[in-house]
Amino acid sequence: MPILQIIDNYDRNAKLGTLFETRVGKGKLLVCAMDLDTDLQDRPAAQQLRTSLIEYVNSKEFEPDHELNIDLLEKLLKN
């Protein structure tokens, strides 16, 4: 289940997972589909979100509940 979803447009109303966490094998993964790298000096909200996500991933609280197998993860990331 996504942590953050957006709705693509009013007519189609598709919920798109923008941010999700998962376990994959023995590892943990946080996937973010937003640009949190470009021109951060001009985008304080993006800079703060990036900082917060990095702190979260490095904390003890980062323990994803759900697990994806590697084949499904590859399929999701290719689309």
PDB file of N, CA and C in Angstrom:
ATOM      1  N   MET A   1       0.840  -1.180   0.000  1.00  0.00           N
ATOM      2  CA  MET A   1       0.000   0.000   0.000  1.00  0.00           C
ATOM      3  C   MET A   1       0.887   1.246   0.000  1.00  0.00           C
ATOM      4  N   PRO A   2       0.624   2.176  -0.898  1.00  0.00           N
ATOM      5  CA  PRO A   2       1.439   3.389  -0.971  1.00  0.00           C
ATOM      6  C   PRO A   2       1.309   4.250   0.280  1.00  0.00           C
ATOM      7  N   ILE A   3       2.379   4.931   0.603  1.00  0.00           N
ATOM      8  CA  ILE A   3       2.375   5.914   1.684  1.00  0.00           C
ATOM      9  C   ILE A   3       1.733   7.196   1.174  1.00  0.00           C
ATOM     10  N   LEU A   4       1.998   7.506  -0.090  1.00  0.00           N
ATOM     11  CA  LEU A   4       1.490   8.723  -0.713  1.00  0.00           C
ATOM     12  C   LEU A   4       0.945   8.369  -2.091  1.00  0.00           C
ATOM     13  N   GLN A   5      -0.286   8.819  -2.360  1.00  0.00           N
ATOM     14  CA  GLN A   5      -0.896   8.589  -3.666  1.00  0.00           C
ATOM     15  C   GLN A   5      -1.315   9.930  -4.253  1.00  0.00           C
ATOM     16  N   ILE A   6      -1.265  10.002  -5.578  1.00  0.00           N
ATOM     17  CA  ILE A   6      -1.840  11.144  -6.279  1.00  0.00           C
ATOM     18  C   ILE A   6      -2.914  10.604  -7.212  1.00  0.00           C
ATOM     19  N   ILE A   7      -3.828  11.455  -7.605  1.00  0.00           N
ATOM     20  CA  ILE A   7      -4.847  11.082  -8.577  1.00  0.00           C
ATOM     21  C   ILE A   7      -4.462  11.753  -9.882  1.00  0.00           C
ATOM     22  N   ASP A   8      -4.348  10.952 -10.940  1.00  0.00           N
ATOM     23  CA  ASP A   8      -3.776  11.455 -12.190  1.00  0.00           C
ATOM     24  C   ASP A   8      -4.602  12.549 -12.846  1.00  0.00           C
ATOM     25  N   ASN A   9      -5.904  12.385 -12.939  1.00  0.00           N
ATOM     26  CA  ASN A   9      -6.759  13.449 -13.465  1.00  0.00           C
ATOM     27  C   ASN A   9      -8.203  13.213 -13.046  1.00  0.00           C
ATOM     28  N   TYR A  10      -9.000  14.216 -13.194  1.00  0.00           N
ATOM     29  CA  TYR A  10     -10.374  14.189 -12.715  1.00  0.00           C
ATOM     30  C   TYR A  10     -11.208  13.111 -13.411  1.00  0.00           C
ATOM     31  N   ASP A  11     -11.021  12.929 -14.706  1.00  0.00           N
ATOM     32  CA  ASP A  11     -11.840  11.983 -15.470  1.00  0.00           C
ATOM     33  C   ASP A  11     -11.489  10.530 -15.177  1.00  0.00           C
ATOM     34  N   ARG A  12     -10.212  10.217 -15.169  1.00  0.00           N
ATOM     35  CA  ARG A  12      -9.813   8.819 -14.979  1.00  0.00           C
ATOM     36  C   ARG A  12      -9.780   8.430 -13.512  1.00  0.00           C
ATOM     37  N   ASN A  13      -9.374   9.348 -12.647  1.00  0.00           N
ATOM     38  CA  ASN A  13      -9.380   9.151 -11.202  1.00  0.00           C
ATOM     39  C   ASN A  13      -8.548   7.946 -10.753  1.00  0.00           C
ATOM     40  N   ALA A  14      -7.429   7.702 -11.423  1.00  0.00           N
ATOM     41  CA  ALA A  14      -6.550   6.588 -11.061  1.00  0.00           C
ATOM     42  C   ALA A  14      -5.644   7.012  -9.907  1.00  0.00           C
ATOM     43  N   LYS A  15      -5.547   6.171  -8.901  1.00  0.00           N
ATOM     44  CA  LYS A  15      -4.658   6.431  -7.779  1.00  0.00           C
ATOM     45  C   LYS A  15      -3.268   5.889  -8.125  1.00  0.00           C
ATOM     46  N   LEU A  16      -2.283   6.765  -8.105  1.00  0.00           N
ATOM     47  CA  LEU A  16      -0.921   6.399  -8.468  1.00  0.00           C
ATOM     48  C   LEU A  16      -0.040   6.447  -7.229  1.00  0.00           C
ATOM     49  N   GLY A  17       0.652   5.351  -6.965  1.00  0.00           N
ATOM     50  CA  GLY A  17       1.550   5.304  -5.819  1.00  0.00           C
ATOM     51  C   GLY A  17       2.792   6.128  -6.083  1.00  0.00           C
ATOM     52  N   THR A  18       2.977   7.185  -5.334  1.00  0.00           N
ATOM     53  CA  THR A  18       4.118   8.076  -5.512  1.00  0.00           C
ATOM     54  C   THR A  18       5.250   7.751  -4.547  1.00  0.00           C
ATOM     55  N   LEU A  19       4.896   7.171  -3.408  1.00  0.00           N
ATOM     56  CA  LEU A  19       5.882   6.853  -2.388  1.00  0.00           C
ATOM     57  C   LEU A  19       5.434   5.576  -1.687  1.00  0.00           C
ATOM     58  N   PHE A  20       6.326   4.566  -1.683  1.00  0.00           N
ATOM     59  CA  PHE A  20       5.989   3.343  -0.960  1.00  0.00           C
ATOM     60  C   PHE A  20       7.247   2.697  -0.402  1.00  0.00           C
ATOM     61  N   GLU A  21       7.034   1.870   0.621  1.00  0.00           N
ATOM     62  CA  GLU A  21       8.139   1.130   1.227  1.00  0.00           C
ATOM     63  C   GLU A  21       7.803  -0.354   1.167  1.00  0.00           C
ATOM     64  N   THR A  22       8.833  -1.167   1.098  1.00  0.00           N
ATOM     65  CA  THR A  22       8.630  -2.605   1.015  1.00  0.00           C
ATOM     66  C   THR A  22       9.883  -3.336   1.477  1.00  0.00           C
ATOM     67  N   ARG A  23       9.688  -4.592   1.779  1.00  0.00           N
ATOM     68  CA  ARG A  23      10.823  -5.492   1.981  1.00  0.00           C
ATOM     69  C   ARG A  23      10.993  -6.266   0.687  1.00  0.00           C
ATOM     70  N   VAL A  24      12.234  -6.518   0.325  1.00  0.00           N
ATOM     71  CA  VAL A  24      12.556  -7.324  -0.849  1.00  0.00           C
ATOM     72  C   VAL A  24      13.674  -8.261  -0.423  1.00  0.00           C
ATOM     73  N   GLY A  25      13.353  -9.543  -0.348  1.00  0.00           N
ATOM     74  CA  GLY A  25      14.337 -10.491   0.148  1.00  0.00           C
ATOM     75  C   GLY A  25      14.749 -10.112   1.558  1.00  0.00           C
ATOM     76  N   LYS A  26      16.056  -9.947   1.787  1.00  0.00           N
ATOM     77  CA  LYS A  26      16.569  -9.565   3.107  1.00  0.00           C
ATOM     78  C   LYS A  26      16.699  -8.057   3.271  1.00  0.00           C
ATOM     79  N   GLY A  27      16.349  -7.307   2.222  1.00  0.00           N
ATOM     80  CA  GLY A  27      16.527  -5.860   2.262  1.00  0.00           C
ATOM     81  C   GLY A  27      15.235  -5.092   2.445  1.00  0.00           C
ATOM     82  N   LYS A  28      15.386  -3.783   2.636  1.00  0.00           N
ATOM     83  CA  LYS A  28      14.266  -2.860   2.768  1.00  0.00           C
ATOM     84  C   LYS A  28      14.449  -1.774   1.716  1.00  0.00           C
ATOM     85  N   LEU A  29      13.323  -1.275   1.205  1.00  0.00           N
ATOM     86  CA  LEU A  29      13.382  -0.331   0.105  1.00  0.00           C
ATOM     87  C   LEU A  29      12.320   0.741   0.279  1.00  0.00           C
ATOM     88  N   LEU A  30      12.695   1.992   0.030  1.00  0.00           N
ATOM     89  CA  LEU A  30      11.756   3.100  -0.030  1.00  0.00           C
ATOM     90  C   LEU A  30      11.815   3.626  -1.458  1.00  0.00           C
ATOM     91  N   VAL A  31      10.680   3.654  -2.139  1.00  0.00           N
ATOM     92  CA  VAL A  31      10.619   4.100  -3.531  1.00  0.00           C
ATOM     93  C   VAL A  31       9.844   5.411  -3.584  1.00  0.00           C
ATOM     94  N   CYS A  32      10.451   6.421  -4.181  1.00  0.00           N
ATOM     95  CA  CYS A  32       9.830   7.732  -4.320  1.00  0.00           C
ATOM     96  C   CYS A  32       9.875   8.128  -5.798  1.00  0.00           C
ATOM     97  N   ALA A  33       8.720   8.398  -6.372  1.00  0.00           N
ATOM     98  CA  ALA A  33       8.638   8.745  -7.788  1.00  0.00           C
ATOM     99  C   ALA A  33       8.681  10.251  -8.031  1.00  0.00           C
ATOM    100  N   MET A  34       8.947  11.018  -6.998  1.00  0.00           N
ATOM    101  CA  MET A  34       9.034  12.470  -7.144  1.00  0.00           C
ATOM    102  C   MET A  34      10.493  12.889  -7.314  1.00  0.00           C
ATOM    103  N   ASP A  35      10.705  13.973  -8.008  1.00  0.00           N
ATOM    104  CA  ASP A  35      12.054  14.514  -8.181  1.00  0.00           C
ATOM    105  C   ASP A  35      12.471  15.222  -6.892  1.00  0.00           C
ATOM    106  N   LEU A  36      13.345  14.577  -6.154  1.00  0.00           N
ATOM    107  CA  LEU A  36      13.859  15.175  -4.917  1.00  0.00           C
ATOM    108  C   LEU A  36      15.351  15.430  -5.039  1.00  0.00           C
ATOM    109  N   ASP A  37      15.785  15.726  -6.259  1.00  0.00           N
ATOM    110  CA  ASP A  37      17.206  15.921  -6.519  1.00  0.00           C
ATOM    111  C   ASP A  37      17.502  17.229  -7.256  1.00  0.00           C
ATOM    112  N   THR A  38      16.618  17.658  -8.123  1.00  0.00           N
ATOM    113  CA  THR A  38      16.878  18.792  -8.999  1.00  0.00           C
ATOM    114  C   THR A  38      16.570  20.126  -8.312  1.00  0.00           C
ATOM    115  N   ASP A  39      17.504  21.066  -8.404  1.00  0.00           N
ATOM    116  CA  ASP A  39      17.314  22.453  -7.949  1.00  0.00           C
ATOM    117  C   ASP A  39      16.734  22.562  -6.538  1.00  0.00           C
ATOM    118  N   LEU A  40      17.254  21.782  -5.621  1.00  0.00           N
ATOM    119  CA  LEU A  40      16.710  21.796  -4.262  1.00  0.00           C
ATOM    120  C   LEU A  40      16.863  23.147  -3.578  1.00  0.00           C
ATOM    121  N   GLN A  41      17.863  23.923  -3.964  1.00  0.00           N
ATOM    122  CA  GLN A  41      18.050  25.244  -3.354  1.00  0.00           C
ATOM    123  C   GLN A  41      16.869  26.160  -3.657  1.00  0.00           C
ATOM    124  N   ASP A  42      16.146  25.888  -4.741  1.00  0.00           N
ATOM    125  CA  ASP A  42      14.980  26.686  -5.114  1.00  0.00           C
ATOM    126  C   ASP A  42      13.664  26.007  -4.746  1.00  0.00           C
ATOM    127  N   ARG A  43      13.729  24.839  -4.137  1.00  0.00           N
ATOM    128  CA  ARG A  43      12.531  24.071  -3.811  1.00  0.00           C
ATOM    129  C   ARG A  43      12.612  23.580  -2.360  1.00  0.00           C
ATOM    130  N   PRO A  44      12.341  24.474  -1.410  1.00  0.00           N
ATOM    131  CA  PRO A  44      12.512  24.103  -0.003  1.00  0.00           C
ATOM    132  C   PRO A  44      11.618  22.946   0.442  1.00  0.00           C
ATOM    133  N   ALA A  45      10.425  22.826  -0.108  1.00  0.00           N
ATOM    134  CA  ALA A  45       9.552  21.713   0.290  1.00  0.00           C
ATOM    135  C   ALA A  45      10.144  20.383  -0.163  1.00  0.00           C
ATOM    136  N   ALA A  46      10.665  20.338  -1.379  1.00  0.00           N
ATOM    137  CA  ALA A  46      11.296  19.113  -1.882  1.00  0.00           C
ATOM    138  C   ALA A  46      12.560  18.802  -1.084  1.00  0.00           C
ATOM    139  N   GLN A  47      13.320  19.823  -0.736  1.00  0.00           N
ATOM    140  CA  GLN A  47      14.532  19.630   0.057  1.00  0.00           C
ATOM    141  C   GLN A  47      14.185  19.053   1.435  1.00  0.00           C
ATOM    142  N   GLN A  48      13.136  19.578   2.057  1.00  0.00           N
ATOM    143  CA  GLN A  48      12.747  19.082   3.375  1.00  0.00           C
ATOM    144  C   GLN A  48      12.201  17.665   3.302  1.00  0.00           C
ATOM    145  N   LEU A  49      11.411  17.359   2.268  1.00  0.00           N
ATOM    146  CA  LEU A  49      10.900  16.001   2.114  1.00  0.00           C
ATOM    147  C   LEU A  49      12.051  15.025   1.926  1.00  0.00           C
ATOM    148  N   ARG A  50      13.014  15.372   1.108  1.00  0.00           N
ATOM    149  CA  ARG A  50      14.178  14.510   0.902  1.00  0.00           C
ATOM    150  C   ARG A  50      14.920  14.267   2.221  1.00  0.00           C
ATOM    151  N   THR A  51      15.164  15.340   2.961  1.00  0.00           N
ATOM    152  CA  THR A  51      15.849  15.220   4.244  1.00  0.00           C
ATOM    153  C   THR A  51      15.067  14.319   5.196  1.00  0.00           C
ATOM    154  N   SER A  52      13.771  14.516   5.265  1.00  0.00           N
ATOM    155  CA  SER A  52      12.930  13.710   6.152  1.00  0.00           C
ATOM    156  C   SER A  52      12.923  12.244   5.747  1.00  0.00           C
ATOM    157  N   LEU A  53      12.856  11.971   4.457  1.00  0.00           N
ATOM    158  CA  LEU A  53      12.866  10.576   3.988  1.00  0.00           C
ATOM    159  C   LEU A  53      14.203   9.900   4.295  1.00  0.00           C
ATOM    160  N   ILE A  54      15.293  10.615   4.115  1.00  0.00           N
ATOM    161  CA  ILE A  54      16.610  10.051   4.430  1.00  0.00           C
ATOM    162  C   ILE A  54      16.715   9.753   5.923  1.00  0.00           C
ATOM    163  N   GLU A  55      16.256  10.676   6.752  1.00  0.00           N
ATOM    164  CA  GLU A  55      16.270  10.443   8.198  1.00  0.00           C
ATOM    165  C   GLU A  55      15.397   9.246   8.563  1.00  0.00           C
ATOM    166  N   TYR A  56      14.244   9.132   7.938  1.00  0.00           N
ATOM    167  CA  TYR A  56      13.338   8.011   8.206  1.00  0.00           C
ATOM    168  C   TYR A  56      13.979   6.677   7.839  1.00  0.00           C
ATOM    169  N   VAL A  57      14.565   6.607   6.661  1.00  0.00           N
ATOM    170  CA  VAL A  57      15.182   5.356   6.193  1.00  0.00           C
ATOM    171  C   VAL A  57      16.338   4.946   7.114  1.00  0.00           C
ATOM    172  N   ASN A  58      17.015   5.901   7.699  1.00  0.00           N
ATOM    173  CA  ASN A  58      18.131   5.613   8.598  1.00  0.00           C
ATOM    174  C   ASN A  58      17.702   5.404  10.045  1.00  0.00           C
ATOM    175  N   SER A  59      16.396   5.430  10.304  1.00  0.00           N
ATOM    176  CA  SER A  59      15.909   5.282  11.677  1.00  0.00           C
ATOM    177  C   SER A  59      15.424   3.854  11.949  1.00  0.00           C
ATOM    178  N   LYS A  60      15.188   3.565  13.206  1.00  0.00           N
ATOM    179  CA  LYS A  60      14.645   2.264  13.607  1.00  0.00           C
ATOM    180  C   LYS A  60      13.187   2.109  13.191  1.00  0.00           C
ATOM    181  N   GLU A  61      12.509   3.207  12.901  1.00  0.00           N
ATOM    182  CA  GLU A  61      11.101   3.159  12.502  1.00  0.00           C
ATOM    183  C   GLU A  61      10.909   2.612  11.090  1.00  0.00           C
ATOM    184  N   PHE A  62      11.956   2.596  10.295  1.00  0.00           N
ATOM    185  CA  PHE A  62      11.846   2.107   8.921  1.00  0.00           C
ATOM    186  C   PHE A  62      11.838   0.581   8.922  1.00  0.00           C
ATOM    187  N   GLU A  63      10.659   0.028   9.081  1.00  0.00           N
ATOM    188  CA  GLU A  63      10.441  -1.418   9.090  1.00  0.00           C
ATOM    189  C   GLU A  63       9.208  -1.723   8.245  1.00  0.00           C
ATOM    190  N   PRO A  64       9.364  -1.808   6.930  1.00  0.00           N
ATOM    191  CA  PRO A  64       8.212  -2.045   6.063  1.00  0.00           C
ATOM    192  C   PRO A  64       7.433  -3.305   6.454  1.00  0.00           C
ATOM    193  N   ASP A  65       6.114  -3.193   6.414  1.00  0.00           N
ATOM    194  CA  ASP A  65       5.233  -4.315   6.751  1.00  0.00           C
ATOM    195  C   ASP A  65       5.069  -5.289   5.595  1.00  0.00           C
ATOM    196  N   HIS A  66       5.053  -4.772   4.383  1.00  0.00           N
ATOM    197  CA  HIS A  66       4.756  -5.585   3.208  1.00  0.00           C
ATOM    198  C   HIS A  66       6.030  -6.007   2.494  1.00  0.00           C
ATOM    199  N   GLU A  67       5.931  -7.134   1.798  1.00  0.00           N
ATOM    200  CA  GLU A  67       7.074  -7.645   1.037  1.00  0.00           C
ATOM    201  C   GLU A  67       6.659  -7.874  -0.404  1.00  0.00           C
ATOM    202  N   LEU A  68       7.511  -7.454  -1.326  1.00  0.00           N
ATOM    203  CA  LEU A  68       7.308  -7.713  -2.753  1.00  0.00           C
ATOM    204  C   LEU A  68       8.370  -8.691  -3.213  1.00  0.00           C
ATOM    205  N   ASN A  69       7.969  -9.583  -4.120  1.00  0.00           N
ATOM    206  CA  ASN A  69       9.011 -10.424  -4.700  1.00  0.00           C
ATOM    207  C   ASN A  69       9.724  -9.611  -5.774  1.00  0.00           C
ATOM    208  N   ILE A  70      10.910 -10.011  -6.088  1.00  0.00           N
ATOM    209  CA  ILE A  70      11.767  -9.238  -6.993  1.00  0.00           C
ATOM    210  C   ILE A  70      11.159  -9.096  -8.383  1.00  0.00           C
ATOM    211  N   ASP A  71      10.448 -10.124  -8.859  1.00  0.00           N
ATOM    212  CA  ASP A  71       9.836 -10.038 -10.194  1.00  0.00           C
ATOM    213  C   ASP A  71       8.773  -8.949 -10.264  1.00  0.00           C
ATOM    214  N   LEU A  72       7.927  -8.869  -9.240  1.00  0.00           N
ATOM    215  CA  LEU A  72       6.894  -7.832  -9.213  1.00  0.00           C
ATOM    216  C   LEU A  72       7.519  -6.454  -9.074  1.00  0.00           C
ATOM    217  N   LEU A  73       8.545  -6.322  -8.250  1.00  0.00           N
ATOM    218  CA  LEU A  73       9.213  -5.034  -8.093  1.00  0.00           C
ATOM    219  C   LEU A  73       9.818  -4.579  -9.425  1.00  0.00           C
ATOM    220  N   GLU A  74      10.470  -5.454 -10.128  1.00  0.00           N
ATOM    221  CA  GLU A  74      11.040  -5.093 -11.434  1.00  0.00           C
ATOM    222  C   GLU A  74       9.955  -4.648 -12.394  1.00  0.00           C
ATOM    223  N   LYS A  75       8.816  -5.324 -12.386  1.00  0.00           N
ATOM    224  CA  LYS A  75       7.703  -4.961 -13.256  1.00  0.00           C
ATOM    225  C   LYS A  75       7.175  -3.563 -12.901  1.00  0.00           C
ATOM    226  N   LEU A  76       7.025  -3.294 -11.615  1.00  0.00           N
ATOM    227  CA  LEU A  76       6.538  -1.984 -11.178  1.00  0.00           C
ATOM    228  C   LEU A  76       7.492  -0.872 -11.568  1.00  0.00           C
ATOM    229  N   LEU A  77       8.774  -1.105 -11.428  1.00  0.00           N
ATOM    230  CA  LEU A  77       9.753  -0.043 -11.692  1.00  0.00           C
ATOM    231  C   LEU A  77      10.012   0.175 -13.180  1.00  0.00           C
ATOM    232  N   LYS A  78       9.701  -0.792 -14.006  1.00  0.00           N
ATOM    233  CA  LYS A  78       9.902  -0.632 -15.445  1.00  0.00           C
ATOM    234  C   LYS A  78       8.798   0.190 -16.082  1.00  0.00           C
ATOM    235  N   ASN A  79       7.632   0.212 -15.489  1.00  0.00           N
ATOM    236  CA  ASN A  79       6.486   0.936 -16.077  1.00  0.00           C
ATOM    237  C   ASN A  79       6.484   2.380 -15.714  1.00  0.00           C
TER     238      ASN A  79
END
